[in-house]
Amino acid sequence: MSDDDTTRLWLVERSYDDRDLIILIYATPDGEYELRKELAAAVMHQRRMTVTAAIDAPTENLEPVDDDDLRERYAAEATKMSDSHEPDDEV
């Protein structure tokens, strides 16, 4: 695997915390790897940032999903998202 390898990830979870952060979790279609993003809601609004159904991220930035149940849930959610949305769809 070279440093410039990228992987397609699908949005599998979106949550909010008490610090006004939006937490997005994108996962590979098999649920094996995830990428977690924490973004300030105010910054997203100011910059007019959108959340898309999928992103491409450097493979080296992905974290393995160790929990079997979570891996299955992520795989199911990624499949559902990829079946119903184009990667650039705003969700």
PDB file of N, CA and C in Angstrom:
ATOM      1  N   MET A   1       0.848  -1.178   0.000  1.00  0.00           N
ATOM      2  CA  MET A   1       0.000   0.000   0.000  1.00  0.00           C
ATOM      3  C   MET A   1       0.897   1.245   0.000  1.00  0.00           C
ATOM      4  N   SER A   2       0.697   2.125  -0.940  1.00  0.00           N
ATOM      5  CA  SER A   2       1.508   3.335  -0.996  1.00  0.00           C
ATOM      6  C   SER A   2       0.835   4.452  -0.194  1.00  0.00           C
ATOM      7  N   ASP A   3       1.583   5.514   0.071  1.00  0.00           N
ATOM      8  CA  ASP A   3       1.078   6.610   0.875  1.00  0.00           C
ATOM      9  C   ASP A   3      -0.082   7.351   0.217  1.00  0.00           C
ATOM     10  N   ASP A   4      -0.190   7.269  -1.126  1.00  0.00           N
ATOM     11  CA  ASP A   4      -1.246   8.012  -1.798  1.00  0.00           C
ATOM     12  C   ASP A   4      -2.500   7.177  -2.052  1.00  0.00           C
ATOM     13  N   ASP A   5      -2.591   5.986  -1.462  1.00  0.00           N
ATOM     14  CA  ASP A   5      -3.797   5.174  -1.580  1.00  0.00           C
ATOM     15  C   ASP A   5      -4.949   5.860  -0.850  1.00  0.00           C
ATOM     16  N   THR A   6      -6.111   5.867  -1.498  1.00  0.00           N
ATOM     17  CA  THR A   6      -7.307   6.380  -0.838  1.00  0.00           C
ATOM     18  C   THR A   6      -8.367   5.299  -0.838  1.00  0.00           C
ATOM     19  N   THR A   7      -9.292   5.423   0.084  1.00  0.00           N
ATOM     20  CA  THR A   7     -10.362   4.456   0.252  1.00  0.00           C
ATOM     21  C   THR A   7     -11.684   5.203   0.301  1.00  0.00           C
ATOM     22  N   ARG A   8     -12.694   4.641  -0.340  1.00  0.00           N
ATOM     23  CA  ARG A   8     -14.047   5.213  -0.292  1.00  0.00           C
ATOM     24  C   ARG A   8     -14.710   4.767   0.999  1.00  0.00           C
ATOM     25  N   LEU A   9     -15.244   5.745   1.727  1.00  0.00           N
ATOM     26  CA  LEU A   9     -15.944   5.492   2.989  1.00  0.00           C
ATOM     27  C   LEU A   9     -17.344   6.077   2.898  1.00  0.00           C
ATOM     28  N   TRP A  10     -18.293   5.440   3.550  1.00  0.00           N
ATOM     29  CA  TRP A  10     -19.683   5.887   3.542  1.00  0.00           C
ATOM     30  C   TRP A  10     -20.101   6.329   4.935  1.00  0.00           C
ATOM     31  N   LEU A  11     -20.935   7.365   5.002  1.00  0.00           N
ATOM     32  CA  LEU A  11     -21.413   7.867   6.282  1.00  0.00           C
ATOM     33  C   LEU A  11     -22.266   6.798   6.963  1.00  0.00           C
ATOM     34  N   VAL A  12     -21.894   6.427   8.178  1.00  0.00           N
ATOM     35  CA  VAL A  12     -22.630   5.393   8.905  1.00  0.00           C
ATOM     36  C   VAL A  12     -23.215   5.902  10.215  1.00  0.00           C
ATOM     37  N   GLU A  13     -22.736   7.065  10.683  1.00  0.00           N
ATOM     38  CA  GLU A  13     -23.261   7.595  11.939  1.00  0.00           C
ATOM     39  C   GLU A  13     -23.009   9.095  12.012  1.00  0.00           C
ATOM     40  N   ARG A  14     -24.005   9.799  12.540  1.00  0.00           N
ATOM     41  CA  ARG A  14     -23.881  11.243  12.780  1.00  0.00           C
ATOM     42  C   ARG A  14     -24.473  11.486  14.163  1.00  0.00           C
ATOM     43  N   SER A  15     -23.706  12.166  15.006  1.00  0.00           N
ATOM     44  CA  SER A  15     -24.212  12.483  16.331  1.00  0.00           C
ATOM     45  C   SER A  15     -23.720  13.868  16.741  1.00  0.00           C
ATOM     46  N   TYR A  16     -24.268  14.348  17.830  1.00  0.00           N
ATOM     47  CA  TYR A  16     -23.935  15.676  18.340  1.00  0.00           C
ATOM     48  C   TYR A  16     -23.575  15.522  19.807  1.00  0.00           C
ATOM     49  N   ASP A  17     -22.628  16.317  20.270  1.00  0.00           N
ATOM     50  CA  ASP A  17     -22.307  16.247  21.687  1.00  0.00           C
ATOM     51  C   ASP A  17     -22.614  17.568  22.375  1.00  0.00           C
ATOM     52  N   ASP A  18     -22.387  17.600  23.667  1.00  0.00           N
ATOM     53  CA  ASP A  18     -22.744  18.786  24.454  1.00  0.00           C
ATOM     54  C   ASP A  18     -21.781  19.955  24.265  1.00  0.00           C
ATOM     55  N   ARG A  19     -20.736  19.777  23.458  1.00  0.00           N
ATOM     56  CA  ARG A  19     -19.800  20.867  23.167  1.00  0.00           C
ATOM     57  C   ARG A  19     -20.076  21.483  21.797  1.00  0.00           C
ATOM     58  N   ASP A  20     -21.256  21.226  21.243  1.00  0.00           N
ATOM     59  CA  ASP A  20     -21.665  21.743  19.939  1.00  0.00           C
ATOM     60  C   ASP A  20     -20.790  21.196  18.808  1.00  0.00           C
ATOM     61  N   LEU A  21     -20.354  19.951  18.984  1.00  0.00           N
ATOM     62  CA  LEU A  21     -19.598  19.276  17.932  1.00  0.00           C
ATOM     63  C   LEU A  21     -20.511  18.310  17.194  1.00  0.00           C
ATOM     64  N   ILE A  22     -20.319  18.248  15.900  1.00  0.00           N
ATOM     65  CA  ILE A  22     -20.984  17.246  15.081  1.00  0.00           C
ATOM     66  C   ILE A  22     -19.956  16.142  14.863  1.00  0.00           C
ATOM     67  N   ILE A  23     -20.336  14.930  15.205  1.00  0.00           N
ATOM     68  CA  ILE A  23     -19.435  13.784  15.073  1.00  0.00           C
ATOM     69  C   ILE A  23     -19.935  12.934  13.912  1.00  0.00           C
ATOM     70  N   LEU A  24     -19.071  12.791  12.914  1.00  0.00           N
ATOM     71  CA  LEU A  24     -19.393  11.987  11.732  1.00  0.00           C
ATOM     72  C   LEU A  24     -18.486  10.771  11.723  1.00  0.00           C
ATOM     73  N   ILE A  25     -19.073   9.612  11.475  1.00  0.00           N
ATOM     74  CA  ILE A  25     -18.277   8.405  11.325  1.00  0.00           C
ATOM     75  C   ILE A  25     -18.544   7.847   9.935  1.00  0.00           C
ATOM     76  N   TYR A  26     -17.481   7.729   9.181  1.00  0.00           N
ATOM     77  CA  TYR A  26     -17.512   7.123   7.853  1.00  0.00           C
ATOM     78  C   TYR A  26     -16.830   5.763   7.953  1.00  0.00           C
ATOM     79  N   ALA A  27     -17.327   4.777   7.227  1.00  0.00           N
ATOM     80  CA  ALA A  27     -16.751   3.434   7.299  1.00  0.00           C
ATOM     81  C   ALA A  27     -16.653   2.818   5.910  1.00  0.00           C
ATOM     82  N   THR A  28     -15.766   1.846   5.816  1.00  0.00           N
ATOM     83  CA  THR A  28     -15.632   1.091   4.577  1.00  0.00           C
ATOM     84  C   THR A  28     -16.875   0.216   4.397  1.00  0.00           C
ATOM     85  N   PRO A  29     -17.180  -0.183   3.172  1.00  0.00           N
ATOM     86  CA  PRO A  29     -18.380  -0.986   2.930  1.00  0.00           C
ATOM     87  C   PRO A  29     -18.427  -2.294   3.720  1.00  0.00           C
ATOM     88  N   ASP A  30     -17.271  -2.844   4.069  1.00  0.00           N
ATOM     89  CA  ASP A  30     -17.254  -4.082   4.849  1.00  0.00           C
ATOM     90  C   ASP A  30     -17.272  -3.831   6.356  1.00  0.00           C
ATOM     91  N   GLY A  31     -17.250  -2.552   6.757  1.00  0.00           N
ATOM     92  CA  GLY A  31     -17.287  -2.199   8.172  1.00  0.00           C
ATOM     93  C   GLY A  31     -15.982  -2.424   8.907  1.00  0.00           C
ATOM     94  N   GLU A  32     -14.940  -2.783   8.195  1.00  0.00           N
ATOM     95  CA  GLU A  32     -13.664  -3.119   8.831  1.00  0.00           C
ATOM     96  C   GLU A  32     -12.888  -1.897   9.318  1.00  0.00           C
ATOM     97  N   TYR A  33     -13.060  -0.757   8.640  1.00  0.00           N
ATOM     98  CA  TYR A  33     -12.297   0.455   8.978  1.00  0.00           C
ATOM     99  C   TYR A  33     -13.217   1.658   9.064  1.00  0.00           C
ATOM    100  N   GLU A  34     -12.818   2.615   9.905  1.00  0.00           N
ATOM    101  CA  GLU A  34     -13.612   3.824  10.098  1.00  0.00           C
ATOM    102  C   GLU A  34     -12.715   5.050  10.105  1.00  0.00           C
ATOM    103  N   LEU A  35     -13.381   6.186   9.870  1.00  0.00           N
ATOM    104  CA  LEU A  35     -12.740   7.489  10.010  1.00  0.00           C
ATOM    105  C   LEU A  35     -13.727   8.366  10.755  1.00  0.00           C
ATOM    106  N   ARG A  36     -13.301   8.894  11.875  1.00  0.00           N
ATOM    107  CA  ARG A  36     -14.152   9.733  12.714  1.00  0.00           C
ATOM    108  C   ARG A  36     -13.757  11.191  12.507  1.00  0.00           C
ATOM    109  N   LYS A  37     -14.762  12.034  12.284  1.00  0.00           N
ATOM    110  CA  LYS A  37     -14.531  13.473  12.131  1.00  0.00           C
ATOM    111  C   LYS A  37     -15.361  14.192  13.179  1.00  0.00           C
ATOM    112  N   GLU A  38     -14.742  15.142  13.859  1.00  0.00           N
ATOM    113  CA  GLU A  38     -15.451  16.003  14.806  1.00  0.00           C
ATOM    114  C   GLU A  38     -15.345  17.430  14.296  1.00  0.00           C
ATOM    115  N   LEU A  39     -16.494  18.033  14.054  1.00  0.00           N
ATOM    116  CA  LEU A  39     -16.541  19.370  13.476  1.00  0.00           C
ATOM    117  C   LEU A  39     -17.431  20.267  14.312  1.00  0.00           C
ATOM    118  N   ALA A  40     -16.984  21.487  14.549  1.00  0.00           N
ATOM    119  CA  ALA A  40     -17.803  22.446  15.283  1.00  0.00           C
ATOM    120  C   ALA A  40     -18.984  22.865  14.402  1.00  0.00           C
ATOM    121  N   ALA A  41     -20.175  22.800  14.967  1.00  0.00           N
ATOM    122  CA  ALA A  41     -21.372  23.150  14.206  1.00  0.00           C
ATOM    123  C   ALA A  41     -21.302  24.586  13.694  1.00  0.00           C
ATOM    124  N   ALA A  42     -20.800  25.501  14.513  1.00  0.00           N
ATOM    125  CA  ALA A  42     -20.709  26.904  14.099  1.00  0.00           C
ATOM    126  C   ALA A  42     -19.764  27.074  12.912  1.00  0.00           C
ATOM    127  N   VAL A  43     -18.660  26.371  12.931  1.00  0.00           N
ATOM    128  CA  VAL A  43     -17.695  26.463  11.825  1.00  0.00           C
ATOM    129  C   VAL A  43     -18.306  25.882  10.552  1.00  0.00           C
ATOM    130  N   MET A  44     -18.993  24.758  10.680  1.00  0.00           N
ATOM    131  CA  MET A  44     -19.647  24.169   9.503  1.00  0.00           C
ATOM    132  C   MET A  44     -20.639  25.147   8.896  1.00  0.00           C
ATOM    133  N   HIS A  45     -21.390  25.812   9.763  1.00  0.00           N
ATOM    134  CA  HIS A  45     -22.379  26.768   9.282  1.00  0.00           C
ATOM    135  C   HIS A  45     -21.698  27.967   8.622  1.00  0.00           C
ATOM    136  N   GLN A  46     -20.681  28.531   9.266  1.00  0.00           N
ATOM    137  CA  GLN A  46     -19.976  29.699   8.734  1.00  0.00           C
ATOM    138  C   GLN A  46     -19.339  29.403   7.380  1.00  0.00           C
ATOM    139  N   ARG A  47     -18.757  28.232   7.249  1.00  0.00           N
ATOM    140  CA  ARG A  47     -18.071  27.867   6.001  1.00  0.00           C
ATOM    141  C   ARG A  47     -18.997  27.194   4.989  1.00  0.00           C
ATOM    142  N   ARG A  48     -20.261  27.074   5.366  1.00  0.00           N
ATOM    143  CA  ARG A  48     -21.259  26.417   4.508  1.00  0.00           C
ATOM    144  C   ARG A  48     -20.791  25.026   4.071  1.00  0.00           C
ATOM    145  N   MET A  49     -20.238  24.299   5.021  1.00  0.00           N
ATOM    146  CA  MET A  49     -19.759  22.939   4.750  1.00  0.00           C
ATOM    147  C   MET A  49     -20.952  21.993   4.693  1.00  0.00           C
ATOM    148  N   THR A  50     -20.873  21.027   3.824  1.00  0.00           N
ATOM    149  CA  THR A  50     -21.940  20.040   3.713  1.00  0.00           C
ATOM    150  C   THR A  50     -21.399  18.662   4.081  1.00  0.00           C
ATOM    151  N   VAL A  51     -22.307  17.802   4.457  1.00  0.00           N
ATOM    152  CA  VAL A  51     -21.973  16.412   4.765  1.00  0.00           C
ATOM    153  C   VAL A  51     -22.429  15.590   3.574  1.00  0.00           C
ATOM    154  N   THR A  52     -21.509  14.822   3.017  1.00  0.00           N
ATOM    155  CA  THR A  52     -21.847  14.000   1.857  1.00  0.00           C
ATOM    156  C   THR A  52     -21.979  12.530   2.254  1.00  0.00           C
ATOM    157  N   ALA A  53     -22.650  11.782   1.392  1.00  0.00           N
ATOM    158  CA  ALA A  53     -22.887  10.369   1.651  1.00  0.00           C
ATOM    159  C   ALA A  53     -21.586   9.579   1.739  1.00  0.00           C
ATOM    160  N   ALA A  54     -20.573   9.996   0.984  1.00  0.00           N
ATOM    161  CA  ALA A  54     -19.300   9.274   0.993  1.00  0.00           C
ATOM    162  C   ALA A  54     -18.148  10.261   0.871  1.00  0.00           C
ATOM    163  N   ILE A  55     -17.003   9.809   1.311  1.00  0.00           N
ATOM    164  CA  ILE A  55     -15.765  10.567   1.141  1.00  0.00           C
ATOM    165  C   ILE A  55     -14.671   9.594   0.718  1.00  0.00           C
ATOM    166  N   ASP A  56     -13.631  10.132   0.130  1.00  0.00           N
ATOM    167  CA  ASP A  56     -12.423   9.360  -0.147  1.00  0.00           C
ATOM    168  C   ASP A  56     -11.363   9.885   0.808  1.00  0.00           C
ATOM    169  N   ALA A  57     -10.741   8.984   1.539  1.00  0.00           N
ATOM    170  CA  ALA A  57      -9.752   9.384   2.540  1.00  0.00           C
ATOM    171  C   ALA A  57      -8.485   8.561   2.379  1.00  0.00           C
ATOM    172  N   PRO A  58      -7.354   9.136   2.770  1.00  0.00           N
ATOM    173  CA  PRO A  58      -6.105   8.360   2.729  1.00  0.00           C
ATOM    174  C   PRO A  58      -6.238   7.104   3.586  1.00  0.00           C
ATOM    175  N   THR A  59      -5.888   5.991   3.006  1.00  0.00           N
ATOM    176  CA  THR A  59      -6.008   4.713   3.694  1.00  0.00           C
ATOM    177  C   THR A  59      -5.241   4.718   5.009  1.00  0.00           C
ATOM    178  N   GLU A  60      -4.128   5.408   5.054  1.00  0.00           N
ATOM    179  CA  GLU A  60      -3.316   5.443   6.273  1.00  0.00           C
ATOM    180  C   GLU A  60      -4.020   6.145   7.435  1.00  0.00           C
ATOM    181  N   ASN A  61      -5.074   6.921   7.164  1.00  0.00           N
ATOM    182  CA  ASN A  61      -5.797   7.624   8.220  1.00  0.00           C
ATOM    183  C   ASN A  61      -6.921   6.802   8.838  1.00  0.00           C
ATOM    184  N   LEU A  62      -7.180   5.620   8.315  1.00  0.00           N
ATOM    185  CA  LEU A  62      -8.299   4.808   8.790  1.00  0.00           C
ATOM    186  C   LEU A  62      -7.913   4.032  10.043  1.00  0.00           C
ATOM    187  N   GLU A  63      -8.921   3.834  10.888  1.00  0.00           N
ATOM    188  CA  GLU A  63      -8.743   3.052  12.104  1.00  0.00           C
ATOM    189  C   GLU A  63      -9.530   1.753  11.979  1.00  0.00           C
ATOM    190  N   PRO A  64      -8.966   0.642  12.445  1.00  0.00           N
ATOM    191  CA  PRO A  64      -9.713  -0.619  12.394  1.00  0.00           C
ATOM    192  C   PRO A  64     -10.879  -0.593  13.387  1.00  0.00           C
ATOM    193  N   VAL A  65     -11.962  -1.263  13.024  1.00  0.00           N
ATOM    194  CA  VAL A  65     -13.117  -1.411  13.912  1.00  0.00           C
ATOM    195  C   VAL A  65     -12.962  -2.772  14.591  1.00  0.00           C
ATOM    196  N   ASP A  66     -12.739  -2.761  15.892  1.00  0.00           N
ATOM    197  CA  ASP A  66     -12.440  -3.998  16.613  1.00  0.00           C
ATOM    198  C   ASP A  66     -13.677  -4.742  17.099  1.00  0.00           C
ATOM    199  N   ASP A  67     -14.763  -4.044  17.303  1.00  0.00           N
ATOM    200  CA  ASP A  67     -15.980  -4.647  17.835  1.00  0.00           C
ATOM    201  C   ASP A  67     -16.779  -5.316  16.711  1.00  0.00           C
ATOM    202  N   ASP A  68     -17.059  -6.616  16.845  1.00  0.00           N
ATOM    203  CA  ASP A  68     -17.773  -7.364  15.802  1.00  0.00           C
ATOM    204  C   ASP A  68     -19.159  -6.802  15.528  1.00  0.00           C
ATOM    205  N   ASP A  69     -19.908  -6.471  16.581  1.00  0.00           N
ATOM    206  CA  ASP A  69     -21.258  -5.934  16.396  1.00  0.00           C
ATOM    207  C   ASP A  69     -21.221  -4.587  15.687  1.00  0.00           C
ATOM    208  N   LEU A  70     -20.281  -3.754  16.076  1.00  0.00           N
ATOM    209  CA  LEU A  70     -20.135  -2.438  15.446  1.00  0.00           C
ATOM    210  C   LEU A  70     -19.727  -2.586  13.983  1.00  0.00           C
ATOM    211  N   ARG A  71     -18.840  -3.515  13.722  1.00  0.00           N
ATOM    212  CA  ARG A  71     -18.393  -3.771  12.347  1.00  0.00           C
ATOM    213  C   ARG A  71     -19.577  -4.189  11.475  1.00  0.00           C
ATOM    214  N   GLU A  72     -20.438  -5.070  11.994  1.00  0.00           N
ATOM    215  CA  GLU A  72     -21.628  -5.508  11.249  1.00  0.00           C
ATOM    216  C   GLU A  72     -22.588  -4.340  11.017  1.00  0.00           C
ATOM    217  N   ARG A  73     -22.786  -3.513  12.051  1.00  0.00           N
ATOM    218  CA  ARG A  73     -23.683  -2.362  11.915  1.00  0.00           C
ATOM    219  C   ARG A  73     -23.146  -1.372  10.899  1.00  0.00           C
ATOM    220  N   TYR A  74     -21.847  -1.098  10.952  1.00  0.00           N
ATOM    221  CA  TYR A  74     -21.241  -0.184   9.989  1.00  0.00           C
ATOM    222  C   TYR A  74     -21.367  -0.726   8.564  1.00  0.00           C
ATOM    223  N   ALA A  75     -21.137  -2.009   8.382  1.00  0.00           N
ATOM    224  CA  ALA A  75     -21.257  -2.611   7.047  1.00  0.00           C
ATOM    225  C   ALA A  75     -22.692  -2.464   6.530  1.00  0.00           C
ATOM    226  N   ALA A  76     -23.675  -2.717   7.398  1.00  0.00           N
ATOM    227  CA  ALA A  76     -25.080  -2.594   6.989  1.00  0.00           C
ATOM    228  C   ALA A  76     -25.423  -1.148   6.643  1.00  0.00           C
ATOM    229  N   GLU A  77     -24.973  -0.200   7.461  1.00  0.00           N
ATOM    230  CA  GLU A  77     -25.253   1.211   7.208  1.00  0.00           C
ATOM    231  C   GLU A  77     -24.546   1.703   5.942  1.00  0.00           C
ATOM    232  N   ALA A  78     -23.304   1.280   5.742  1.00  0.00           N
ATOM    233  CA  ALA A  78     -22.561   1.685   4.542  1.00  0.00           C
ATOM    234  C   ALA A  78     -23.248   1.147   3.289  1.00  0.00           C
ATOM    235  N   THR A  79     -23.714  -0.083   3.360  1.00  0.00           N
ATOM    236  CA  THR A  79     -24.416  -0.682   2.220  1.00  0.00           C
ATOM    237  C   THR A  79     -25.710   0.074   1.934  1.00  0.00           C
ATOM    238  N   LYS A  80     -26.453   0.377   2.986  1.00  0.00           N
ATOM    239  CA  LYS A  80     -27.715   1.117   2.816  1.00  0.00           C
ATOM    240  C   LYS A  80     -27.442   2.493   2.197  1.00  0.00           C
ATOM    241  N   MET A  81     -26.415   3.178   2.682  1.00  0.00           N
ATOM    242  CA  MET A  81     -26.088   4.508   2.169  1.00  0.00           C
ATOM    243  C   MET A  81     -25.649   4.431   0.704  1.00  0.00           C
ATOM    244  N   SER A  82     -24.808   3.461   0.371  1.00  0.00           N
ATOM    245  CA  SER A  82     -24.308   3.357  -1.008  1.00  0.00           C
ATOM    246  C   SER A  82     -25.405   2.918  -1.973  1.00  0.00           C
ATOM    247  N   ASP A  83     -26.388   2.159  -1.479  1.00  0.00           N
ATOM    248  CA  ASP A  83     -27.500   1.733  -2.331  1.00  0.00           C
ATOM    249  C   ASP A  83     -28.488   2.868  -2.617  1.00  0.00           C
ATOM    250  N   SER A  84     -28.551   3.855  -1.729  1.00  0.00           N
ATOM    251  CA  SER A  84     -29.576   4.889  -1.880  1.00  0.00           C
ATOM    252  C   SER A  84     -29.033   6.274  -2.221  1.00  0.00           C
ATOM    253  N   HIS A  85     -27.693   6.428  -2.267  1.00  0.00           N
ATOM    254  CA  HIS A  85     -27.113   7.741  -2.532  1.00  0.00           C
ATOM    255  C   HIS A  85     -25.909   7.645  -3.440  1.00  0.00           C
ATOM    256  N   GLU A  86     -25.690   8.707  -4.190  1.00  0.00           N
ATOM    257  CA  GLU A  86     -24.438   8.884  -4.907  1.00  0.00           C
ATOM    258  C   GLU A  86     -23.422   9.419  -3.897  1.00  0.00           C
ATOM    259  N   PRO A  87     -22.144   9.176  -4.101  1.00  0.00           N
ATOM    260  CA  PRO A  87     -21.137   9.608  -3.120  1.00  0.00           C
ATOM    261  C   PRO A  87     -21.203  11.096  -2.766  1.00  0.00           C
ATOM    262  N   ASP A  88     -21.499  11.964  -3.731  1.00  0.00           N
ATOM    263  CA  ASP A  88     -21.497  13.408  -3.490  1.00  0.00           C
ATOM    264  C   ASP A  88     -22.834  13.953  -3.015  1.00  0.00           C
ATOM    265  N   ASP A  89     -23.829  13.087  -2.814  1.00  0.00           N
ATOM    266  CA  ASP A  89     -25.127  13.556  -2.325  1.00  0.00           C
ATOM    267  C   ASP A  89     -24.973  14.175  -0.946  1.00  0.00           C
ATOM    268  N   GLU A  90     -25.623  15.310  -0.742  1.00  0.00           N
ATOM    269  CA  GLU A  90     -25.634  15.932   0.581  1.00  0.00           C
ATOM    270  C   GLU A  90     -26.636  15.174   1.437  1.00  0.00           C
ATOM    271  N   VAL A  91     -26.215  14.784   2.629  1.00  0.00           N
ATOM    272  CA  VAL A  91     -27.091  14.031   3.530  1.00  0.00           C
ATOM    273  C   VAL A  91     -27.130  14.667   4.907  1.00  0.00           C
TER     274      VAL A  91
END
